[in-house]
């Protein structure tokens, strides 16, 4: 009798593995930092930020540019893998120094 129960439990575990939910990986949130450089003008950086960042107006772009100039870096975007890598590539193409953390 106990052998029959073991077989049923094993069969139930195999079925639950097939149809049960697999453990989901938690996506890691990453930050995109704009780094200070002496190559780009304030106007160019502001134009790039307003063009590339979602919901970034001129005032916010000016604040980011001043923050980068004074502290050397600024967190400009927080998101997940596909979107942040695309933004990183666009900023690199525009000649701005960015870093993902």
C-alpha atoms as a PDB file:
ATOM      1  CA  UNK A   1       0.000   0.000   0.000  1.00  0.00           C
ATOM      2  CA  UNK A   2       2.752   2.472   0.890  1.00  0.00           C
ATOM      3  CA  UNK A   3       4.495   1.681  -2.386  1.00  0.00           C
ATOM      4  CA  UNK A   4       1.294   2.579  -4.222  1.00  0.00           C
ATOM      5  CA  UNK A   5       1.123   5.940  -2.379  1.00  0.00           C
ATOM      6  CA  UNK A   6       4.751   6.690  -3.198  1.00  0.00           C
ATOM      7  CA  UNK A   7       4.033   6.041  -6.857  1.00  0.00           C
ATOM      8  CA  UNK A   8       0.987   8.330  -6.788  1.00  0.00           C
ATOM      9  CA  UNK A   9       2.904  11.103  -5.044  1.00  0.00           C
ATOM     10  CA  UNK A  10       5.746  10.805  -7.521  1.00  0.00           C
ATOM     11  CA  UNK A  11       3.307  10.885 -10.432  1.00  0.00           C
ATOM     12  CA  UNK A  12       1.583  13.973  -8.932  1.00  0.00           C
ATOM     13  CA  UNK A  13       4.947  15.741  -8.550  1.00  0.00           C
ATOM     14  CA  UNK A  14       5.846  14.991 -12.167  1.00  0.00           C
ATOM     15  CA  UNK A  15       2.499  16.332 -13.411  1.00  0.00           C
ATOM     16  CA  UNK A  16       2.813  19.486 -11.283  1.00  0.00           C
ATOM     17  CA  UNK A  17       6.271  20.079 -12.734  1.00  0.00           C
ATOM     18  CA  UNK A  18       4.849  19.847 -16.238  1.00  0.00           C
ATOM     19  CA  UNK A  19       1.842  22.097 -15.708  1.00  0.00           C
ATOM     20  CA  UNK A  20       2.810  24.112 -12.667  1.00  0.00           C
ATOM     21  CA  UNK A  21       4.240  27.574 -12.722  1.00  0.00           C
ATOM     22  CA  UNK A  22       7.935  27.762 -13.198  1.00  0.00           C
ATOM     23  CA  UNK A  23       9.769  30.090 -10.858  1.00  0.00           C
ATOM     24  CA  UNK A  24       9.930  33.560 -12.389  1.00  0.00           C
ATOM     25  CA  UNK A  25      13.117  35.507 -12.375  1.00  0.00           C
ATOM     26  CA  UNK A  26      12.865  38.961 -10.973  1.00  0.00           C
ATOM     27  CA  UNK A  27      13.992  41.593 -13.433  1.00  0.00           C
ATOM     28  CA  UNK A  28      16.735  43.834 -12.208  1.00  0.00           C
ATOM     29  CA  UNK A  29      16.151  47.584 -12.399  1.00  0.00           C
ATOM     30  CA  UNK A  30      19.135  49.494 -13.727  1.00  0.00           C
ATOM     31  CA  UNK A  31      20.085  53.161 -13.768  1.00  0.00           C
ATOM     32  CA  UNK A  32      21.562  55.160 -16.614  1.00  0.00           C
ATOM     33  CA  UNK A  33      24.055  57.832 -15.537  1.00  0.00           C
ATOM     34  CA  UNK A  34      25.188  60.785 -17.618  1.00  0.00           C
ATOM     35  CA  UNK A  35      28.858  61.562 -17.003  1.00  0.00           C
ATOM     36  CA  UNK A  36      30.587  64.913 -17.228  1.00  0.00           C
ATOM     37  CA  UNK A  37      32.800  65.666 -20.210  1.00  0.00           C
ATOM     38  CA  UNK A  38      34.435  68.799 -21.561  1.00  0.00           C
ATOM     39  CA  UNK A  39      33.609  68.018 -25.193  1.00  0.00           C
ATOM     40  CA  UNK A  40      29.873  68.790 -25.393  1.00  0.00           C
ATOM     41  CA  UNK A  41      28.198  72.148 -24.844  1.00  0.00           C
ATOM     42  CA  UNK A  42      25.313  72.687 -22.447  1.00  0.00           C
ATOM     43  CA  UNK A  43      22.993  73.381 -25.364  1.00  0.00           C
ATOM     44  CA  UNK A  44      23.922  70.117 -27.085  1.00  0.00           C
ATOM     45  CA  UNK A  45      23.447  68.075 -23.903  1.00  0.00           C
ATOM     46  CA  UNK A  46      20.066  69.718 -23.228  1.00  0.00           C
ATOM     47  CA  UNK A  47      18.951  69.035 -26.804  1.00  0.00           C
ATOM     48  CA  UNK A  48      20.052  65.384 -26.549  1.00  0.00           C
ATOM     49  CA  UNK A  49      18.264  64.880 -23.223  1.00  0.00           C
ATOM     50  CA  UNK A  50      14.984  66.396 -24.427  1.00  0.00           C
ATOM     51  CA  UNK A  51      15.165  64.328 -27.619  1.00  0.00           C
ATOM     52  CA  UNK A  52      16.051  60.948 -26.121  1.00  0.00           C
ATOM     53  CA  UNK A  53      14.581  60.834 -22.620  1.00  0.00           C
ATOM     54  CA  UNK A  54      10.871  60.232 -22.236  1.00  0.00           C
ATOM     55  CA  UNK A  55       9.046  62.999 -20.351  1.00  0.00           C
ATOM     56  CA  UNK A  56      12.117  65.248 -20.237  1.00  0.00           C
ATOM     57  CA  UNK A  57      11.400  68.903 -20.950  1.00  0.00           C
ATOM     58  CA  UNK A  58      13.913  71.724 -21.352  1.00  0.00           C
ATOM     59  CA  UNK A  59      13.796  72.750 -17.686  1.00  0.00           C
ATOM     60  CA  UNK A  60      14.523  69.203 -16.476  1.00  0.00           C
ATOM     61  CA  UNK A  61      17.300  68.842 -19.056  1.00  0.00           C
ATOM     62  CA  UNK A  62      18.898  72.081 -17.814  1.00  0.00           C
ATOM     63  CA  UNK A  63      18.747  70.813 -14.221  1.00  0.00           C
ATOM     64  CA  UNK A  64      20.412  67.537 -15.256  1.00  0.00           C
ATOM     65  CA  UNK A  65      23.132  69.393 -17.208  1.00  0.00           C
ATOM     66  CA  UNK A  66      23.944  71.639 -14.214  1.00  0.00           C
ATOM     67  CA  UNK A  67      23.964  68.643 -11.862  1.00  0.00           C
ATOM     68  CA  UNK A  68      26.356  66.750 -14.149  1.00  0.00           C
ATOM     69  CA  UNK A  69      28.613  69.802 -14.395  1.00  0.00           C
ATOM     70  CA  UNK A  70      28.803  70.275 -10.612  1.00  0.00           C
ATOM     71  CA  UNK A  71      28.897  66.689  -9.351  1.00  0.00           C
ATOM     72  CA  UNK A  72      30.377  64.855 -12.339  1.00  0.00           C
ATOM     73  CA  UNK A  73      27.425  62.526 -12.935  1.00  0.00           C
ATOM     74  CA  UNK A  74      23.650  62.320 -12.679  1.00  0.00           C
ATOM     75  CA  UNK A  75      21.127  59.487 -12.697  1.00  0.00           C
ATOM     76  CA  UNK A  76      19.024  60.310 -15.757  1.00  0.00           C
ATOM     77  CA  UNK A  77      16.920  57.176 -16.269  1.00  0.00           C
ATOM     78  CA  UNK A  78      15.839  54.099 -14.348  1.00  0.00           C
ATOM     79  CA  UNK A  79      14.436  51.080 -16.135  1.00  0.00           C
ATOM     80  CA  UNK A  80      14.813  47.512 -17.276  1.00  0.00           C
ATOM     81  CA  UNK A  81      17.117  45.766 -19.705  1.00  0.00           C
ATOM     82  CA  UNK A  82      15.818  46.259 -23.238  1.00  0.00           C
ATOM     83  CA  UNK A  83      14.851  49.907 -22.907  1.00  0.00           C
ATOM     84  CA  UNK A  84      17.929  51.020 -20.986  1.00  0.00           C
ATOM     85  CA  UNK A  85      20.344  49.413 -23.438  1.00  0.00           C
ATOM     86  CA  UNK A  86      18.629  51.182 -26.333  1.00  0.00           C
ATOM     87  CA  UNK A  87      18.912  54.548 -24.568  1.00  0.00           C
ATOM     88  CA  UNK A  88      22.557  53.822 -23.748  1.00  0.00           C
ATOM     89  CA  UNK A  89      23.305  53.183 -27.433  1.00  0.00           C
ATOM     90  CA  UNK A  90      21.526  56.373 -28.543  1.00  0.00           C
ATOM     91  CA  UNK A  91      23.449  58.517 -26.056  1.00  0.00           C
ATOM     92  CA  UNK A  92      26.716  56.891 -27.151  1.00  0.00           C
ATOM     93  CA  UNK A  93      25.893  57.629 -30.808  1.00  0.00           C
ATOM     94  CA  UNK A  94      25.332  61.279 -29.918  1.00  0.00           C
ATOM     95  CA  UNK A  95      28.773  61.443 -28.330  1.00  0.00           C
ATOM     96  CA  UNK A  96      27.660  61.670 -24.712  1.00  0.00           C
ATOM     97  CA  UNK A  97      29.307  59.613 -22.001  1.00  0.00           C
ATOM     98  CA  UNK A  98      26.829  57.418 -20.156  1.00  0.00           C
ATOM     99  CA  UNK A  99      27.131  54.459 -17.825  1.00  0.00           C
ATOM    100  CA  UNK A 100      24.733  51.709 -16.776  1.00  0.00           C
ATOM    101  CA  UNK A 101      24.693  50.619 -13.140  1.00  0.00           C
END
